[in-house]
Amino acid sequence: MHELPPEIWYRITEYLSDADLKQAIGLNRLFFERGMNLRYKTVDVGTKKLGNATRILERLSYVAFTFR
């Protein structure tokens, strides 16, 4: 793959459908960030079982800080 400036990649992502963008998260860092932001724009965490809620929050925290 040829190196393109981030601005060009960003413009490319604007033309993709949400489904295509979610599938392209492995292409490069910008696609990953845009796809993950789309996928996890809102997250519902149930609190009936605190252990499950904690695991969900830990996973989201890991994803958010690992790929920055």
N, C-alpha and C. Protein backbone atom coordinates (compact mmCIF):
# COMPACT_ATOMS: atom_id res chain seq x y z
N MET A 1 0.84 -1.17 0.00
CA MET A 1 0.00 0.00 0.00
C MET A 1 0.89 1.24 0.00
N HIS A 2 0.54 2.20 -0.79
CA HIS A 2 1.32 3.43 -0.86
C HIS A 2 1.00 4.33 0.33
N GLU A 3 2.00 5.09 0.71
CA GLU A 3 1.81 6.03 1.81
C GLU A 3 1.03 7.24 1.33
N LEU A 4 -0.05 7.53 2.01
CA LEU A 4 -0.86 8.71 1.73
C LEU A 4 -0.93 9.57 2.98
N PRO A 5 -1.07 10.87 2.82
CA PRO A 5 -1.23 11.73 4.00
C PRO A 5 -2.53 11.38 4.74
N PRO A 6 -2.54 11.56 6.05
CA PRO A 6 -3.75 11.26 6.84
C PRO A 6 -4.99 11.99 6.34
N GLU A 7 -4.80 13.18 5.81
CA GLU A 7 -5.95 13.96 5.32
C GLU A 7 -6.65 13.24 4.17
N ILE A 8 -5.88 12.58 3.32
CA ILE A 8 -6.46 11.84 2.20
C ILE A 8 -7.22 10.62 2.72
N TRP A 9 -6.60 9.90 3.66
CA TRP A 9 -7.28 8.74 4.23
C TRP A 9 -8.58 9.17 4.90
N TYR A 10 -8.54 10.28 5.61
CA TYR A 10 -9.74 10.77 6.28
C TYR A 10 -10.85 11.05 5.27
N ARG A 11 -10.50 11.69 4.16
CA ARG A 11 -11.49 11.97 3.11
C ARG A 11 -12.06 10.68 2.54
N ILE A 12 -11.23 9.67 2.39
CA ILE A 12 -11.70 8.38 1.88
C ILE A 12 -12.74 7.79 2.82
N THR A 13 -12.49 7.87 4.12
CA THR A 13 -13.44 7.30 5.08
C THR A 13 -14.79 7.98 5.04
N GLU A 14 -14.83 9.23 4.61
CA GLU A 14 -16.11 9.94 4.54
C GLU A 14 -17.04 9.37 3.47
N TYR A 15 -16.50 8.67 2.50
CA TYR A 15 -17.30 8.11 1.41
C TYR A 15 -17.76 6.67 1.68
N LEU A 16 -17.30 6.08 2.77
CA LEU A 16 -17.67 4.70 3.09
C LEU A 16 -18.96 4.65 3.89
N SER A 17 -19.73 3.61 3.67
CA SER A 17 -20.91 3.39 4.51
C SER A 17 -20.42 2.98 5.90
N ASP A 18 -21.33 3.07 6.87
CA ASP A 18 -20.97 2.66 8.23
C ASP A 18 -20.52 1.20 8.27
N ALA A 19 -21.23 0.35 7.55
CA ALA A 19 -20.87 -1.09 7.53
C ALA A 19 -19.50 -1.30 6.92
N ASP A 20 -19.19 -0.60 5.83
CA ASP A 20 -17.88 -0.74 5.20
C ASP A 20 -16.77 -0.22 6.10
N LEU A 21 -17.04 0.88 6.77
CA LEU A 21 -16.03 1.46 7.66
C LEU A 21 -15.73 0.51 8.82
N LYS A 22 -16.76 -0.12 9.36
CA LYS A 22 -16.55 -1.09 10.45
C LYS A 22 -15.71 -2.27 9.97
N GLN A 23 -15.89 -2.68 8.72
CA GLN A 23 -15.14 -3.81 8.20
C GLN A 23 -13.70 -3.44 7.85
N ALA A 24 -13.42 -2.16 7.67
CA ALA A 24 -12.09 -1.72 7.23
C ALA A 24 -11.18 -1.31 8.39
N ILE A 25 -11.55 -1.65 9.62
CA ILE A 25 -10.75 -1.18 10.75
C ILE A 25 -9.33 -1.75 10.77
N GLY A 26 -9.09 -2.82 10.04
CA GLY A 26 -7.75 -3.41 10.01
C GLY A 26 -6.85 -2.80 8.94
N LEU A 27 -7.35 -1.88 8.16
CA LEU A 27 -6.57 -1.33 7.05
C LEU A 27 -5.42 -0.45 7.52
N ASN A 28 -5.71 0.51 8.37
CA ASN A 28 -4.66 1.34 8.95
C ASN A 28 -5.21 2.01 10.21
N ARG A 29 -4.38 2.77 10.87
CA ARG A 29 -4.75 3.37 12.15
C ARG A 29 -5.95 4.31 12.03
N LEU A 30 -6.00 5.10 10.99
CA LEU A 30 -7.10 6.04 10.84
C LEU A 30 -8.43 5.31 10.65
N PHE A 31 -8.43 4.27 9.80
CA PHE A 31 -9.64 3.48 9.63
C PHE A 31 -10.04 2.82 10.95
N PHE A 32 -9.04 2.35 11.70
CA PHE A 32 -9.31 1.73 12.99
C PHE A 32 -10.00 2.72 13.93
N GLU A 33 -9.43 3.90 14.06
CA GLU A 33 -9.99 4.89 14.97
C GLU A 33 -11.39 5.32 14.55
N ARG A 34 -11.59 5.57 13.26
CA ARG A 34 -12.91 5.99 12.77
C ARG A 34 -13.93 4.86 12.94
N GLY A 35 -13.54 3.64 12.64
CA GLY A 35 -14.45 2.50 12.77
C GLY A 35 -14.81 2.21 14.21
N MET A 36 -13.83 2.28 15.10
CA MET A 36 -14.10 2.03 16.52
C MET A 36 -14.96 3.13 17.11
N ASN A 37 -14.72 4.38 16.70
CA ASN A 37 -15.56 5.47 17.17
C ASN A 37 -17.01 5.27 16.73
N LEU A 38 -17.18 4.79 15.52
CA LEU A 38 -18.52 4.52 15.01
C LEU A 38 -19.16 3.35 15.76
N ARG A 39 -18.41 2.28 15.92
CA ARG A 39 -18.94 1.08 16.56
C ARG A 39 -19.27 1.33 18.02
N TYR A 40 -18.44 2.08 18.72
CA TYR A 40 -18.62 2.28 20.15
C TYR A 40 -19.00 3.72 20.49
N LYS A 41 -19.76 4.32 19.60
CA LYS A 41 -20.22 5.69 19.84
C LYS A 41 -21.00 5.77 21.14
N THR A 42 -21.87 4.80 21.34
CA THR A 42 -22.58 4.67 22.61
C THR A 42 -22.44 3.23 23.08
N VAL A 43 -22.30 3.07 24.37
CA VAL A 43 -22.17 1.75 24.97
C VAL A 43 -23.08 1.68 26.18
N ASP A 44 -23.93 0.67 26.21
CA ASP A 44 -24.78 0.45 27.37
C ASP A 44 -24.13 -0.61 28.24
N VAL A 45 -23.99 -0.29 29.51
CA VAL A 45 -23.39 -1.22 30.45
C VAL A 45 -24.42 -1.49 31.54
N GLY A 46 -24.92 -2.72 31.57
CA GLY A 46 -25.88 -3.10 32.61
C GLY A 46 -25.18 -3.21 33.96
N THR A 47 -25.91 -2.91 35.01
CA THR A 47 -25.29 -2.94 36.34
C THR A 47 -25.90 -4.00 37.24
N LYS A 48 -26.73 -4.89 36.70
CA LYS A 48 -27.31 -5.93 37.55
C LYS A 48 -26.22 -6.88 38.05
N LYS A 49 -25.24 -7.15 37.19
CA LYS A 49 -24.11 -7.99 37.60
C LYS A 49 -22.86 -7.12 37.49
N LEU A 50 -22.39 -6.66 38.61
CA LEU A 50 -21.27 -5.73 38.64
C LEU A 50 -20.02 -6.32 38.00
N GLY A 51 -19.80 -7.61 38.13
CA GLY A 51 -18.62 -8.25 37.53
C GLY A 51 -18.64 -8.13 36.02
N ASN A 52 -19.79 -8.34 35.39
CA ASN A 52 -19.90 -8.20 33.93
C ASN A 52 -19.66 -6.77 33.49
N ALA A 53 -20.25 -5.82 34.22
CA ALA A 53 -20.08 -4.41 33.89
C ALA A 53 -18.61 -4.00 34.01
N THR A 54 -17.94 -4.50 35.03
CA THR A 54 -16.53 -4.19 35.23
C THR A 54 -15.69 -4.72 34.08
N ARG A 55 -15.96 -5.95 33.63
CA ARG A 55 -15.21 -6.53 32.52
C ARG A 55 -15.41 -5.73 31.23
N ILE A 56 -16.64 -5.29 30.98
CA ILE A 56 -16.92 -4.48 29.79
C ILE A 56 -16.14 -3.18 29.85
N LEU A 57 -16.17 -2.51 30.98
CA LEU A 57 -15.46 -1.23 31.12
C LEU A 57 -13.95 -1.42 31.00
N GLU A 58 -13.42 -2.50 31.56
CA GLU A 58 -11.99 -2.76 31.43
C GLU A 58 -11.60 -3.00 29.98
N ARG A 59 -12.42 -3.73 29.25
CA ARG A 59 -12.13 -4.00 27.83
C ARG A 59 -12.17 -2.71 27.02
N LEU A 60 -13.18 -1.88 27.25
CA LEU A 60 -13.26 -0.61 26.53
C LEU A 60 -12.08 0.30 26.87
N SER A 61 -11.68 0.29 28.12
CA SER A 61 -10.54 1.08 28.54
C SER A 61 -9.27 0.59 27.86
N TYR A 62 -9.10 -0.72 27.78
CA TYR A 62 -7.93 -1.30 27.13
C TYR A 62 -7.89 -0.90 25.66
N VAL A 63 -9.01 -1.02 24.96
CA VAL A 63 -9.07 -0.66 23.56
C VAL A 63 -8.77 0.82 23.37
N ALA A 64 -9.34 1.66 24.21
CA ALA A 64 -9.16 3.11 24.06
C ALA A 64 -7.71 3.53 24.27
N PHE A 65 -7.01 2.92 25.22
CA PHE A 65 -5.66 3.38 25.54
C PHE A 65 -4.56 2.60 24.84
N THR A 66 -4.84 1.39 24.39
CA THR A 66 -3.83 0.59 23.73
C THR A 66 -3.51 1.10 22.34
N PHE A 67 -4.51 1.55 21.63
CA PHE A 67 -4.34 1.91 20.22
C PHE A 67 -4.20 3.40 20.00
N ARG A 68 -3.78 4.13 20.98
CA ARG A 68 -3.57 5.58 20.82
C ARG A 68 -2.12 5.87 20.56
